[in-house]
Amino acid sequence: MITLTLVHRLSNLPAQSWTFENQTLIRVGRSADNDVILHSAVVSRHHIELKRRGCRWTLVNLSSNGTYLEDHAIIEVPVTDNMMIRLANSGPQIHIKTGITHFKNLPKPTQTTSGAII
């Protein structure tokens, strides 16, 4: 499952959300044939695609107006839980929630002298 939330740029509050359960491709843009349609002059007809392979998602920029992650233009990036992107330099912000938590920074389990794992 993946959820895209349009975030109001000034108040940083959610404006609208879309949740997708089984899709392997999600298209975002101004055109009516997209899964997420955004009415903004700076959003391209087909602005981005989100592609799922297994349980991982990839975001692909399709727009000459650009897509930004932490103020850096991106072409193709892996999607991480809770990432925030911006469509075009001054366009709408979208929060992406995948529900997949990565555990690589958790402490490794240790074994006590009695054999218990903590």
PDB file of N, CA and C in Angstrom:
ATOM      1  N   MET A   1       0.848  -1.182   0.000  1.00  0.00           N
ATOM      2  CA  MET A   1       0.000   0.000   0.000  1.00  0.00           C
ATOM      3  C   MET A   1       0.886   1.236   0.000  1.00  0.00           C
ATOM      4  N   ILE A   2       0.439   2.250  -0.719  1.00  0.00           N
ATOM      5  CA  ILE A   2       1.143   3.521  -0.758  1.00  0.00           C
ATOM      6  C   ILE A   2       0.102   4.638  -0.704  1.00  0.00           C
ATOM      7  N   THR A   3       0.410   5.697   0.041  1.00  0.00           N
ATOM      8  CA  THR A   3      -0.491   6.838   0.163  1.00  0.00           C
ATOM      9  C   THR A   3       0.247   8.096  -0.251  1.00  0.00           C
ATOM     10  N   LEU A   4      -0.371   8.866  -1.132  1.00  0.00           N
ATOM     11  CA  LEU A   4       0.151  10.160  -1.556  1.00  0.00           C
ATOM     12  C   LEU A   4      -0.744  11.232  -0.963  1.00  0.00           C
ATOM     13  N   THR A   5      -0.136  12.209  -0.317  1.00  0.00           N
ATOM     14  CA  THR A   5      -0.909  13.280   0.300  1.00  0.00           C
ATOM     15  C   THR A   5      -0.428  14.621  -0.223  1.00  0.00           C
ATOM     16  N   LEU A   6      -1.339  15.378  -0.800  1.00  0.00           N
ATOM     17  CA  LEU A   6      -1.049  16.737  -1.233  1.00  0.00           C
ATOM     18  C   LEU A   6      -0.980  17.605   0.017  1.00  0.00           C
ATOM     19  N   VAL A   7       0.126  18.310   0.179  1.00  0.00           N
ATOM     20  CA  VAL A   7       0.351  19.106   1.386  1.00  0.00           C
ATOM     21  C   VAL A   7       0.328  20.586   1.022  1.00  0.00           C
ATOM     22  N   HIS A   8      -0.479  21.351   1.761  1.00  0.00           N
ATOM     23  CA  HIS A   8      -0.563  22.789   1.542  1.00  0.00           C
ATOM     24  C   HIS A   8       0.798  23.415   1.826  1.00  0.00           C
ATOM     25  N   ARG A   9       1.299  24.164   0.877  1.00  0.00           N
ATOM     26  CA  ARG A   9       2.673  24.692   0.967  1.00  0.00           C
ATOM     27  C   ARG A   9       2.876  25.659   2.134  1.00  0.00           C
ATOM     28  N   LEU A  10       1.901  26.483   2.443  1.00  0.00           N
ATOM     29  CA  LEU A  10       2.079  27.477   3.508  1.00  0.00           C
ATOM     30  C   LEU A  10       1.757  26.933   4.892  1.00  0.00           C
ATOM     31  N   SER A  11       0.652  26.205   5.007  1.00  0.00           N
ATOM     32  CA  SER A  11       0.242  25.724   6.329  1.00  0.00           C
ATOM     33  C   SER A  11       0.846  24.360   6.658  1.00  0.00           C
ATOM     34  N   ASN A  12       1.385  23.671   5.632  1.00  0.00           N
ATOM     35  CA  ASN A  12       1.956  22.330   5.800  1.00  0.00           C
ATOM     36  C   ASN A  12       0.909  21.308   6.259  1.00  0.00           C
ATOM     37  N   LEU A  13      -0.368  21.599   6.014  1.00  0.00           N
ATOM     38  CA  LEU A  13      -1.452  20.692   6.377  1.00  0.00           C
ATOM     39  C   LEU A  13      -1.871  19.868   5.164  1.00  0.00           C
ATOM     40  N   PRO A  14      -2.339  18.628   5.392  1.00  0.00           N
ATOM     41  CA  PRO A  14      -2.803  17.813   4.267  1.00  0.00           C
ATOM     42  C   PRO A  14      -4.035  18.422   3.610  1.00  0.00           C
ATOM     43  N   ALA A  15      -4.038  18.427   2.274  1.00  0.00           N
ATOM     44  CA  ALA A  15      -5.173  18.970   1.537  1.00  0.00           C
ATOM     45  C   ALA A  15      -6.019  17.859   0.918  1.00  0.00           C
ATOM     46  N   GLN A  16      -5.361  16.789   0.444  1.00  0.00           N
ATOM     47  CA  GLN A  16      -6.067  15.672  -0.179  1.00  0.00           C
ATOM     48  C   GLN A  16      -5.138  14.463  -0.188  1.00  0.00           C
ATOM     49  N   SER A  17      -5.714  13.269  -0.073  1.00  0.00           N
ATOM     50  CA  SER A  17      -4.914  12.037  -0.068  1.00  0.00           C
ATOM     51  C   SER A  17      -5.481  11.011  -1.039  1.00  0.00           C
ATOM     52  N   TRP A  18      -4.580  10.172  -1.552  1.00  0.00           N
ATOM     53  CA  TRP A  18      -4.934   9.059  -2.424  1.00  0.00           C
ATOM     54  C   TRP A  18      -4.191   7.833  -1.912  1.00  0.00           C
ATOM     55  N   THR A  19      -4.903   6.732  -1.717  1.00  0.00           N
ATOM     56  CA  THR A  19      -4.284   5.487  -1.262  1.00  0.00           C
ATOM     57  C   THR A  19      -4.459   4.435  -2.354  1.00  0.00           C
ATOM     58  N   PHE A  20      -3.385   3.719  -2.617  1.00  0.00           N
ATOM     59  CA  PHE A  20      -3.377   2.684  -3.652  1.00  0.00           C
ATOM     60  C   PHE A  20      -2.947   1.374  -3.018  1.00  0.00           C
ATOM     61  N   GLU A  21      -3.733   0.342  -3.237  1.00  0.00           N
ATOM     62  CA  GLU A  21      -3.492  -0.966  -2.627  1.00  0.00           C
ATOM     63  C   GLU A  21      -2.695  -1.900  -3.528  1.00  0.00           C
ATOM     64  N   ASN A  22      -3.146  -2.102  -4.756  1.00  0.00           N
ATOM     65  CA  ASN A  22      -2.595  -3.159  -5.603  1.00  0.00           C
ATOM     66  C   ASN A  22      -1.915  -2.675  -6.873  1.00  0.00           C
ATOM     67  N   GLN A  23      -1.852  -1.383  -7.096  1.00  0.00           N
ATOM     68  CA  GLN A  23      -1.256  -0.878  -8.321  1.00  0.00           C
ATOM     69  C   GLN A  23       0.255  -1.108  -8.344  1.00  0.00           C
ATOM     70  N   THR A  24       0.776  -1.302  -9.548  1.00  0.00           N
ATOM     71  CA  THR A  24       2.222  -1.390  -9.728  1.00  0.00           C
ATOM     72  C   THR A  24       2.750  -0.146 -10.422  1.00  0.00           C
ATOM     73  N   LEU A  25       1.843   0.689 -10.930  1.00  0.00           N
ATOM     74  CA  LEU A  25       2.212   1.943 -11.586  1.00  0.00           C
ATOM     75  C   LEU A  25       1.193   3.005 -11.211  1.00  0.00           C
ATOM     76  N   ILE A  26       1.691   4.147 -10.732  1.00  0.00           N
ATOM     77  CA  ILE A  26       0.826   5.278 -10.372  1.00  0.00           C
ATOM     78  C   ILE A  26       1.358   6.491 -11.116  1.00  0.00           C
ATOM     79  N   ARG A  27       0.473   7.160 -11.830  1.00  0.00           N
ATOM     80  CA  ARG A  27       0.857   8.353 -12.589  1.00  0.00           C
ATOM     81  C   ARG A  27       0.249   9.592 -11.941  1.00  0.00           C
ATOM     82  N   VAL A  28       1.066  10.650 -11.891  1.00  0.00           N
ATOM     83  CA  VAL A  28       0.639  11.918 -11.293  1.00  0.00           C
ATOM     84  C   VAL A  28       0.888  13.033 -12.304  1.00  0.00           C
ATOM     85  N   GLY A  29      -0.106  13.890 -12.491  1.00  0.00           N
ATOM     86  CA  GLY A  29       0.049  15.024 -13.393  1.00  0.00           C
ATOM     87  C   GLY A  29      -1.266  15.755 -13.586  1.00  0.00           C
ATOM     88  N   ARG A  30      -1.267  16.654 -14.567  1.00  0.00           N
ATOM     89  CA  ARG A  30      -2.434  17.492 -14.839  1.00  0.00           C
ATOM     90  C   ARG A  30      -3.485  16.805 -15.712  1.00  0.00           C
ATOM     91  N   SER A  31      -3.071  15.845 -16.506  1.00  0.00           N
ATOM     92  CA  SER A  31      -3.971  15.205 -17.470  1.00  0.00           C
ATOM     93  C   SER A  31      -4.988  14.290 -16.782  1.00  0.00           C
ATOM     94  N   ALA A  32      -6.159  14.186 -17.384  1.00  0.00           N
ATOM     95  CA  ALA A  32      -7.247  13.377 -16.819  1.00  0.00           C
ATOM     96  C   ALA A  32      -6.948  11.880 -16.834  1.00  0.00           C
ATOM     97  N   ASP A  33      -5.942  11.435 -17.578  1.00  0.00           N
ATOM     98  CA  ASP A  33      -5.625  10.003 -17.616  1.00  0.00           C
ATOM     99  C   ASP A  33      -4.645   9.574 -16.518  1.00  0.00           C
ATOM    100  N   ASN A  34      -4.316  10.462 -15.596  1.00  0.00           N
ATOM    101  CA  ASN A  34      -3.447  10.127 -14.464  1.00  0.00           C
ATOM    102  C   ASN A  34      -4.263   9.531 -13.320  1.00  0.00           C
ATOM    103  N   ASP A  35      -3.583   8.810 -12.433  1.00  0.00           N
ATOM    104  CA  ASP A  35      -4.229   8.281 -11.226  1.00  0.00           C
ATOM    105  C   ASP A  35      -4.452   9.389 -10.205  1.00  0.00           C
ATOM    106  N   VAL A  36      -3.516  10.331 -10.158  1.00  0.00           N
ATOM    107  CA  VAL A  36      -3.625  11.514  -9.297  1.00  0.00           C
ATOM    108  C   VAL A  36      -3.571  12.723 -10.213  1.00  0.00           C
ATOM    109  N   ILE A  37      -4.648  13.492 -10.220  1.00  0.00           N
ATOM    110  CA  ILE A  37      -4.758  14.659 -11.097  1.00  0.00           C
ATOM    111  C   ILE A  37      -4.609  15.922 -10.255  1.00  0.00           C
ATOM    112  N   LEU A  38      -3.637  16.746 -10.626  1.00  0.00           N
ATOM    113  CA  LEU A  38      -3.376  17.989  -9.909  1.00  0.00           C
ATOM    114  C   LEU A  38      -3.550  19.160 -10.868  1.00  0.00           C
ATOM    115  N   HIS A  39      -4.372  20.108 -10.480  1.00  0.00           N
ATOM    116  CA  HIS A  39      -4.654  21.263 -11.315  1.00  0.00           C
ATOM    117  C   HIS A  39      -3.743  22.413 -10.907  1.00  0.00           C
ATOM    118  N   SER A  40      -2.572  22.455 -11.516  1.00  0.00           N
ATOM    119  CA  SER A  40      -1.601  23.511 -11.252  1.00  0.00           C
ATOM    120  C   SER A  40      -0.871  23.792 -12.553  1.00  0.00           C
ATOM    121  N   ALA A  41      -0.652  25.061 -12.844  1.00  0.00           N
ATOM    122  CA  ALA A  41      -0.004  25.445 -14.098  1.00  0.00           C
ATOM    123  C   ALA A  41       1.424  24.915 -14.203  1.00  0.00           C
ATOM    124  N   VAL A  42       2.100  24.704 -13.085  1.00  0.00           N
ATOM    125  CA  VAL A  42       3.493  24.234 -13.124  1.00  0.00           C
ATOM    126  C   VAL A  42       3.611  22.709 -13.161  1.00  0.00           C
ATOM    127  N   VAL A  43       2.491  22.011 -12.968  1.00  0.00           N
ATOM    128  CA  VAL A  43       2.498  20.547 -13.031  1.00  0.00           C
ATOM    129  C   VAL A  43       2.293  20.143 -14.486  1.00  0.00           C
ATOM    130  N   SER A  44       3.157  19.259 -14.974  1.00  0.00           N
ATOM    131  CA  SER A  44       3.063  18.782 -16.351  1.00  0.00           C
ATOM    132  C   SER A  44       1.888  17.826 -16.505  1.00  0.00           C
ATOM    133  N   ARG A  45       1.470  17.625 -17.768  1.00  0.00           N
ATOM    134  CA  ARG A  45       0.376  16.684 -18.033  1.00  0.00           C
ATOM    135  C   ARG A  45       0.685  15.315 -17.449  1.00  0.00           C
ATOM    136  N   HIS A  46       1.905  14.857 -17.613  1.00  0.00           N
ATOM    137  CA  HIS A  46       2.390  13.609 -17.011  1.00  0.00           C
ATOM    138  C   HIS A  46       3.675  13.968 -16.285  1.00  0.00           C
ATOM    139  N   HIS A  47       3.586  14.209 -14.988  1.00  0.00           N
ATOM    140  CA  HIS A  47       4.706  14.780 -14.240  1.00  0.00           C
ATOM    141  C   HIS A  47       5.619  13.703 -13.643  1.00  0.00           C
ATOM    142  N   ILE A  48       5.051  12.749 -12.904  1.00  0.00           N
ATOM    143  CA  ILE A  48       5.860  11.676 -12.313  1.00  0.00           C
ATOM    144  C   ILE A  48       5.147  10.340 -12.453  1.00  0.00           C
ATOM    145  N   GLU A  49       5.936   9.283 -12.328  1.00  0.00           N
ATOM    146  CA  GLU A  49       5.409   7.931 -12.198  1.00  0.00           C
ATOM    147  C   GLU A  49       6.029   7.293 -10.969  1.00  0.00           C
ATOM    148  N   LEU A  50       5.226   6.526 -10.274  1.00  0.00           N
ATOM    149  CA  LEU A  50       5.711   5.698  -9.178  1.00  0.00           C
ATOM    150  C   LEU A  50       5.561   4.254  -9.625  1.00  0.00           C
ATOM    151  N   LYS A  51       6.665   3.519  -9.624  1.00  0.00           N
ATOM    152  CA  LYS A  51       6.664   2.137 -10.099  1.00  0.00           C
ATOM    153  C   LYS A  51       7.004   1.200  -8.951  1.00  0.00           C
ATOM    154  N   ARG A  52       6.200   0.146  -8.815  1.00  0.00           N
ATOM    155  CA  ARG A  52       6.442  -0.832  -7.750  1.00  0.00           C
ATOM    156  C   ARG A  52       7.054  -2.091  -8.344  1.00  0.00           C
ATOM    157  N   ARG A  53       8.109  -2.538  -7.677  1.00  0.00           N
ATOM    158  CA  ARG A  53       8.725  -3.831  -7.992  1.00  0.00           C
ATOM    159  C   ARG A  53       8.833  -4.583  -6.678  1.00  0.00           C
ATOM    160  N   GLY A  54       8.034  -5.626  -6.530  1.00  0.00           N
ATOM    161  CA  GLY A  54       7.988  -6.327  -5.252  1.00  0.00           C
ATOM    162  C   GLY A  54       7.363  -5.421  -4.216  1.00  0.00           C
ATOM    163  N   CYS A  55       8.073  -5.160  -3.134  1.00  0.00           N
ATOM    164  CA  CYS A  55       7.553  -4.251  -2.104  1.00  0.00           C
ATOM    165  C   CYS A  55       8.255  -2.891  -2.132  1.00  0.00           C
ATOM    166  N   ARG A  56       9.064  -2.654  -3.136  1.00  0.00           N
ATOM    167  CA  ARG A  56       9.794  -1.379  -3.242  1.00  0.00           C
ATOM    168  C   ARG A  56       9.229  -0.528  -4.373  1.00  0.00           C
ATOM    169  N   TRP A  57       9.258   0.787  -4.145  1.00  0.00           N
ATOM    170  CA  TRP A  57       8.762   1.752  -5.112  1.00  0.00           C
ATOM    171  C   TRP A  57       9.909   2.609  -5.623  1.00  0.00           C
ATOM    172  N   THR A  58       9.786   3.041  -6.883  1.00  0.00           N
ATOM    173  CA  THR A  58      10.727   3.978  -7.489  1.00  0.00           C
ATOM    174  C   THR A  58       9.926   5.147  -8.042  1.00  0.00           C
ATOM    175  N   LEU A  59      10.432   6.359  -7.848  1.00  0.00           N
ATOM    176  CA  LEU A  59       9.798   7.565  -8.381  1.00  0.00           C
ATOM    177  C   LEU A  59      10.601   8.017  -9.595  1.00  0.00           C
ATOM    178  N   VAL A  60       9.901   8.270 -10.706  1.00  0.00           N
ATOM    179  CA  VAL A  60      10.544   8.701 -11.944  1.00  0.00           C
ATOM    180  C   VAL A  60       9.951  10.045 -12.364  1.00  0.00           C
ATOM    181  N   ASN A  61      10.816  11.039 -12.548  1.00  0.00           N
ATOM    182  CA  ASN A  61      10.385  12.339 -13.040  1.00  0.00           C
ATOM    183  C   ASN A  61      10.196  12.260 -14.548  1.00  0.00           C
ATOM    184  N   LEU A  62       9.066  12.747 -15.050  1.00  0.00           N
ATOM    185  CA  LEU A  62       8.785  12.773 -16.488  1.00  0.00           C
ATOM    186  C   LEU A  62       8.715  14.201 -17.018  1.00  0.00           C
ATOM    187  N   SER A  63       8.860  15.180 -16.151  1.00  0.00           N
ATOM    188  CA  SER A  63       8.564  16.566 -16.483  1.00  0.00           C
ATOM    189  C   SER A  63       9.819  17.403 -16.730  1.00  0.00           C
ATOM    190  N   SER A  64       9.736  18.267 -17.727  1.00  0.00           N
ATOM    191  CA  SER A  64      10.826  19.230 -17.934  1.00  0.00           C
ATOM    192  C   SER A  64      10.801  20.312 -16.858  1.00  0.00           C
ATOM    193  N   ASN A  65       9.673  20.431 -16.118  1.00  0.00           N
ATOM    194  CA  ASN A  65       9.589  21.382 -15.004  1.00  0.00           C
ATOM    195  C   ASN A  65      10.314  20.879 -13.763  1.00  0.00           C
ATOM    196  N   GLY A  66      10.624  19.580 -13.723  1.00  0.00           N
ATOM    197  CA  GLY A  66      11.392  19.012 -12.621  1.00  0.00           C
ATOM    198  C   GLY A  66      10.548  18.527 -11.459  1.00  0.00           C
ATOM    199  N   THR A  67      11.169  17.648 -10.689  1.00  0.00           N
ATOM    200  CA  THR A  67      10.630  17.141  -9.430  1.00  0.00           C
ATOM    201  C   THR A  67      11.758  17.244  -8.420  1.00  0.00           C
ATOM    202  N   TYR A  68      11.441  17.676  -7.198  1.00  0.00           N
ATOM    203  CA  TYR A  68      12.470  17.996  -6.219  1.00  0.00           C
ATOM    204  C   TYR A  68      12.297  17.207  -4.926  1.00  0.00           C
ATOM    205  N   LEU A  69      13.419  16.744  -4.421  1.00  0.00           N
ATOM    206  CA  LEU A  69      13.501  16.068  -3.137  1.00  0.00           C
ATOM    207  C   LEU A  69      14.544  16.811  -2.332  1.00  0.00           C
ATOM    208  N   GLU A  70      14.137  17.398  -1.207  1.00  0.00           N
ATOM    209  CA  GLU A  70      15.033  18.204  -0.373  1.00  0.00           C
ATOM    210  C   GLU A  70      15.745  19.274  -1.206  1.00  0.00           C
ATOM    211  N   ASP A  71      14.968  19.945  -2.057  1.00  0.00           N
ATOM    212  CA  ASP A  71      15.426  21.038  -2.921  1.00  0.00           C
ATOM    213  C   ASP A  71      16.442  20.629  -3.978  1.00  0.00           C
ATOM    214  N   HIS A  72      16.590  19.332  -4.246  1.00  0.00           N
ATOM    215  CA  HIS A  72      17.463  18.838  -5.311  1.00  0.00           C
ATOM    216  C   HIS A  72      16.607  18.209  -6.395  1.00  0.00           C
ATOM    217  N   ALA A  73      16.884  18.578  -7.636  1.00  0.00           N
ATOM    218  CA  ALA A  73      16.167  17.993  -8.758  1.00  0.00           C
ATOM    219  C   ALA A  73      16.499  16.508  -8.847  1.00  0.00           C
ATOM    220  N   ILE A  74      15.483  15.716  -9.112  1.00  0.00           N
ATOM    221  CA  ILE A  74      15.689  14.266  -9.210  1.00  0.00           C
ATOM    222  C   ILE A  74      15.222  13.777 -10.575  1.00  0.00           C
ATOM    223  N   ILE A  75      15.783  12.661 -10.999  1.00  0.00           N
ATOM    224  CA  ILE A  75      15.350  12.011 -12.231  1.00  0.00           C
ATOM    225  C   ILE A  75      14.653  10.705 -11.876  1.00  0.00           C
ATOM    226  N   GLU A  76      15.332   9.880 -11.079  1.00  0.00           N
ATOM    227  CA  GLU A  76      14.769   8.618 -10.615  1.00  0.00           C
ATOM    228  C   GLU A  76      15.376   8.308  -9.254  1.00  0.00           C
ATOM    229  N   VAL A  77      14.509   8.049  -8.266  1.00  0.00           N
ATOM    230  CA  VAL A  77      14.980   7.749  -6.910  1.00  0.00           C
ATOM    231  C   VAL A  77      14.121   6.658  -6.290  1.00  0.00           C
ATOM    232  N   PRO A  78      14.716   5.870  -5.387  1.00  0.00           N
ATOM    233  CA  PRO A  78      13.888   4.933  -4.628  1.00  0.00           C
ATOM    234  C   PRO A  78      12.988   5.714  -3.677  1.00  0.00           C
ATOM    235  N   VAL A  79      11.780   5.248  -3.504  1.00  0.00           N
ATOM    236  CA  VAL A  79      10.836   5.889  -2.590  1.00  0.00           C
ATOM    237  C   VAL A  79      11.118   5.386  -1.180  1.00  0.00           C
ATOM    238  N   THR A  80      11.184   6.321  -0.241  1.00  0.00           N
ATOM    239  CA  THR A  80      11.327   5.961   1.164  1.00  0.00           C
ATOM    240  C   THR A  80      10.090   6.424   1.914  1.00  0.00           C
ATOM    241  N   ASP A  81       9.767   5.733   2.984  1.00  0.00           N
ATOM    242  CA  ASP A  81       8.595   6.073   3.775  1.00  0.00           C
ATOM    243  C   ASP A  81       8.724   7.487   4.319  1.00  0.00           C
ATOM    244  N   ASN A  82       7.667   8.262   4.195  1.00  0.00           N
ATOM    245  CA  ASN A  82       7.581   9.644   4.687  1.00  0.00           C
ATOM    246  C   ASN A  82       8.395  10.645   3.889  1.00  0.00           C
ATOM    247  N   MET A  83       8.707  10.335   2.638  1.00  0.00           N
ATOM    248  CA  MET A  83       9.432  11.318   1.842  1.00  0.00           C
ATOM    249  C   MET A  83       8.482  12.405   1.355  1.00  0.00           C
ATOM    250  N   MET A  84       9.035  13.607   1.170  1.00  0.00           N
ATOM    251  CA  MET A  84       8.267  14.749   0.698  1.00  0.00           C
ATOM    252  C   MET A  84       8.913  15.230  -0.595  1.00  0.00           C
ATOM    253  N   ILE A  85       8.119  15.285  -1.657  1.00  0.00           N
ATOM    254  CA  ILE A  85       8.618  15.780  -2.932  1.00  0.00           C
ATOM    255  C   ILE A  85       7.857  17.035  -3.321  1.00  0.00           C
ATOM    256  N   ARG A  86       8.438  17.785  -4.252  1.00  0.00           N
ATOM    257  CA  ARG A  86       7.764  18.975  -4.777  1.00  0.00           C
ATOM    258  C   ARG A  86       7.764  18.868  -6.300  1.00  0.00           C
ATOM    259  N   LEU A  87       6.642  19.089  -6.906  1.00  0.00           N
ATOM    260  CA  LEU A  87       6.512  19.061  -8.357  1.00  0.00           C
ATOM    261  C   LEU A  87       6.788  20.460  -8.887  1.00  0.00           C
ATOM    262  N   ALA A  88       7.831  20.587  -9.692  1.00  0.00           N
ATOM    263  CA  ALA A  88       8.322  21.863 -10.224  1.00  0.00           C
ATOM    264  C   ALA A  88       8.959  22.674  -9.098  1.00  0.00           C
ATOM    265  N   ASN A  89       9.643  23.706  -9.475  1.00  0.00           N
ATOM    266  CA  ASN A  89      10.385  24.495  -8.490  1.00  0.00           C
ATOM    267  C   ASN A  89       9.484  25.160  -7.456  1.00  0.00           C
ATOM    268  N   SER A  90       8.284  25.559  -7.882  1.00  0.00           N
ATOM    269  CA  SER A  90       7.376  26.253  -6.962  1.00  0.00           C
ATOM    270  C   SER A  90       6.024  25.560  -6.866  1.00  0.00           C
ATOM    271  N   GLY A  91       5.970  24.289  -7.221  1.00  0.00           N
ATOM    272  CA  GLY A  91       4.694  23.596  -7.312  1.00  0.00           C
ATOM    273  C   GLY A  91       4.255  22.897  -6.047  1.00  0.00           C
ATOM    274  N   PRO A  92       3.250  22.043  -6.183  1.00  0.00           N
ATOM    275  CA  PRO A  92       2.675  21.356  -5.040  1.00  0.00           C
ATOM    276  C   PRO A  92       3.642  20.364  -4.404  1.00  0.00           C
ATOM    277  N   GLN A  93       3.475  20.195  -3.095  1.00  0.00           N
ATOM    278  CA  GLN A  93       4.255  19.221  -2.339  1.00  0.00           C
ATOM    279  C   GLN A  93       3.413  17.965  -2.128  1.00  0.00           C
ATOM    280  N   ILE A  94       4.068  16.813  -2.240  1.00  0.00           N
ATOM    281  CA  ILE A  94       3.389  15.544  -2.015  1.00  0.00           C
ATOM    282  C   ILE A  94       4.180  14.734  -0.999  1.00  0.00           C
ATOM    283  N   HIS A  95       3.486  14.332   0.048  1.00  0.00           N
ATOM    284  CA  HIS A  95       4.061  13.458   1.070  1.00  0.00           C
ATOM    285  C   HIS A  95       3.745  12.022   0.656  1.00  0.00           C
ATOM    286  N   ILE A  96       4.760  11.144   0.700  1.00  0.00           N
ATOM    287  CA  ILE A  96       4.581   9.752   0.288  1.00  0.00           C
ATOM    288  C   ILE A  96       4.790   8.843   1.488  1.00  0.00           C
ATOM    289  N   LYS A  97       3.779   8.045   1.765  1.00  0.00           N
ATOM    290  CA  LYS A  97       3.823   7.087   2.881  1.00  0.00           C
ATOM    291  C   LYS A  97       3.695   5.688   2.308  1.00  0.00           C
ATOM    292  N   THR A  98       4.713   4.866   2.523  1.00  0.00           N
ATOM    293  CA  THR A  98       4.679   3.502   1.991  1.00  0.00           C
ATOM    294  C   THR A  98       4.257   2.493   3.044  1.00  0.00           C
ATOM    295  N   GLY A  99       4.407   2.840   4.299  1.00  0.00           N
ATOM    296  CA  GLY A  99       4.109   1.893   5.358  1.00  0.00           C
ATOM    297  C   GLY A  99       5.213   0.880   5.565  1.00  0.00           C
ATOM    298  N   ILE A 100       6.268   0.972   4.763  1.00  0.00           N
ATOM    299  CA  ILE A 100       7.406   0.059   4.908  1.00  0.00           C
ATOM    300  C   ILE A 100       8.470   0.761   5.730  1.00  0.00           C
ATOM    301  N   THR A 101       8.793   0.176   6.858  1.00  0.00           N
ATOM    302  CA  THR A 101       9.817   0.723   7.731  1.00  0.00           C
ATOM    303  C   THR A 101      11.098  -0.063   7.509  1.00  0.00           C
ATOM    304  N   HIS A 102      12.169   0.652   7.363  1.00  0.00           N
ATOM    305  CA  HIS A 102      13.463  -0.005   7.194  1.00  0.00           C
ATOM    306  C   HIS A 102      14.122  -0.137   8.553  1.00  0.00           C
ATOM    307  N   PHE A 103      14.621  -1.312   8.860  1.00  0.00           N
ATOM    308  CA  PHE A 103      15.138  -1.612  10.184  1.00  0.00           C
ATOM    309  C   PHE A 103      16.655  -1.595  10.260  1.00  0.00           C
ATOM    310  N   LYS A 104      17.351  -1.042   9.293  1.00  0.00           N
ATOM    311  CA  LYS A 104      18.801  -1.135   9.285  1.00  0.00           C
ATOM    312  C   LYS A 104      19.468  -0.345  10.414  1.00  0.00           C
ATOM    313  N   ASN A 105      18.800   0.617  11.015  1.00  0.00           N
ATOM    314  CA  ASN A 105      19.418   1.414  12.073  1.00  0.00           C
ATOM    315  C   ASN A 105      19.069   0.939  13.485  1.00  0.00           C
ATOM    316  N   LEU A 106      18.321  -0.154  13.592  1.00  0.00           N
ATOM    317  CA  LEU A 106      17.987  -0.684  14.909  1.00  0.00           C
ATOM    318  C   LEU A 106      19.195  -1.409  15.490  1.00  0.00           C
ATOM    319  N   PRO A 107      19.342  -1.392  16.833  1.00  0.00           N
ATOM    320  CA  PRO A 107      20.456  -2.131  17.419  1.00  0.00           C
ATOM    321  C   PRO A 107      20.297  -3.620  17.181  1.00  0.00           C
ATOM    322  N   LYS A 108      21.438  -4.293  17.032  1.00  0.00           N
ATOM    323  CA  LYS A 108      21.409  -5.733  16.808  1.00  0.00           C
ATOM    324  C   LYS A 108      21.082  -6.434  18.114  1.00  0.00           C
ATOM    325  N   PRO A 109      20.332  -7.553  18.039  1.00  0.00           N
ATOM    326  CA  PRO A 109      20.023  -8.295  19.257  1.00  0.00           C
ATOM    327  C   PRO A 109      21.300  -8.852  19.875  1.00  0.00           C
ATOM    328  N   THR A 110      21.304  -8.893  21.183  1.00  0.00           N
ATOM    329  CA  THR A 110      22.465  -9.462  21.885  1.00  0.00           C
ATOM    330  C   THR A 110      21.998 -10.637  22.732  1.00  0.00           C
ATOM    331  N   GLN A 111      22.923 -11.536  22.998  1.00  0.00           N
ATOM    332  CA  GLN A 111      22.592 -12.710  23.774  1.00  0.00           C
ATOM    333  C   GLN A 111      23.209 -12.559  25.164  1.00  0.00           C
ATOM    334  N   THR A 112      22.383 -12.803  26.189  1.00  0.00           N
ATOM    335  CA  THR A 112      22.867 -12.726  27.563  1.00  0.00           C
ATOM    336  C   THR A 112      23.615 -14.002  27.919  1.00  0.00           C
ATOM    337  N   THR A 113      24.254 -14.005  29.071  1.00  0.00           N
ATOM    338  CA  THR A 113      24.983 -15.198  29.516  1.00  0.00           C
ATOM    339  C   THR A 113      24.058 -16.383  29.751  1.00  0.00           C
ATOM    340  N   SER A 114      22.768 -16.119  30.013  1.00  0.00           N
ATOM    341  CA  SER A 114      21.814 -17.220  30.218  1.00  0.00           C
ATOM    342  C   SER A 114      21.274 -17.746  28.883  1.00  0.00           C
ATOM    343  N   GLY A 115      21.668 -17.112  27.761  1.00  0.00           N
ATOM    344  CA  GLY A 115      21.224 -17.558  26.458  1.00  0.00           C
ATOM    345  C   GLY A 115      20.013 -16.807  25.920  1.00  0.00           C
ATOM    346  N   ALA A 116      19.423 -15.916  26.718  1.00  0.00           N
ATOM    347  CA  ALA A 116      18.258 -15.133  26.259  1.00  0.00           C
ATOM    348  C   ALA A 116      18.719 -14.072  25.247  1.00  0.00           C
ATOM    349  N   ILE A 117      17.915 -13.831  24.254  1.00  0.00           N
ATOM    350  CA  ILE A 117      18.224 -12.793  23.262  1.00  0.00           C
ATOM    351  C   ILE A 117      17.440 -11.558  23.619  1.00  0.00           C
ATOM    352  N   ILE A 118      18.155 -10.443  23.724  1.00  0.00           N
ATOM    353  CA  ILE A 118      17.492  -9.167  24.036  1.00  0.00           C
ATOM    354  C   ILE A 118      17.803  -8.141  22.965  1.00  0.00           C
TER     355      ILE A 118
END
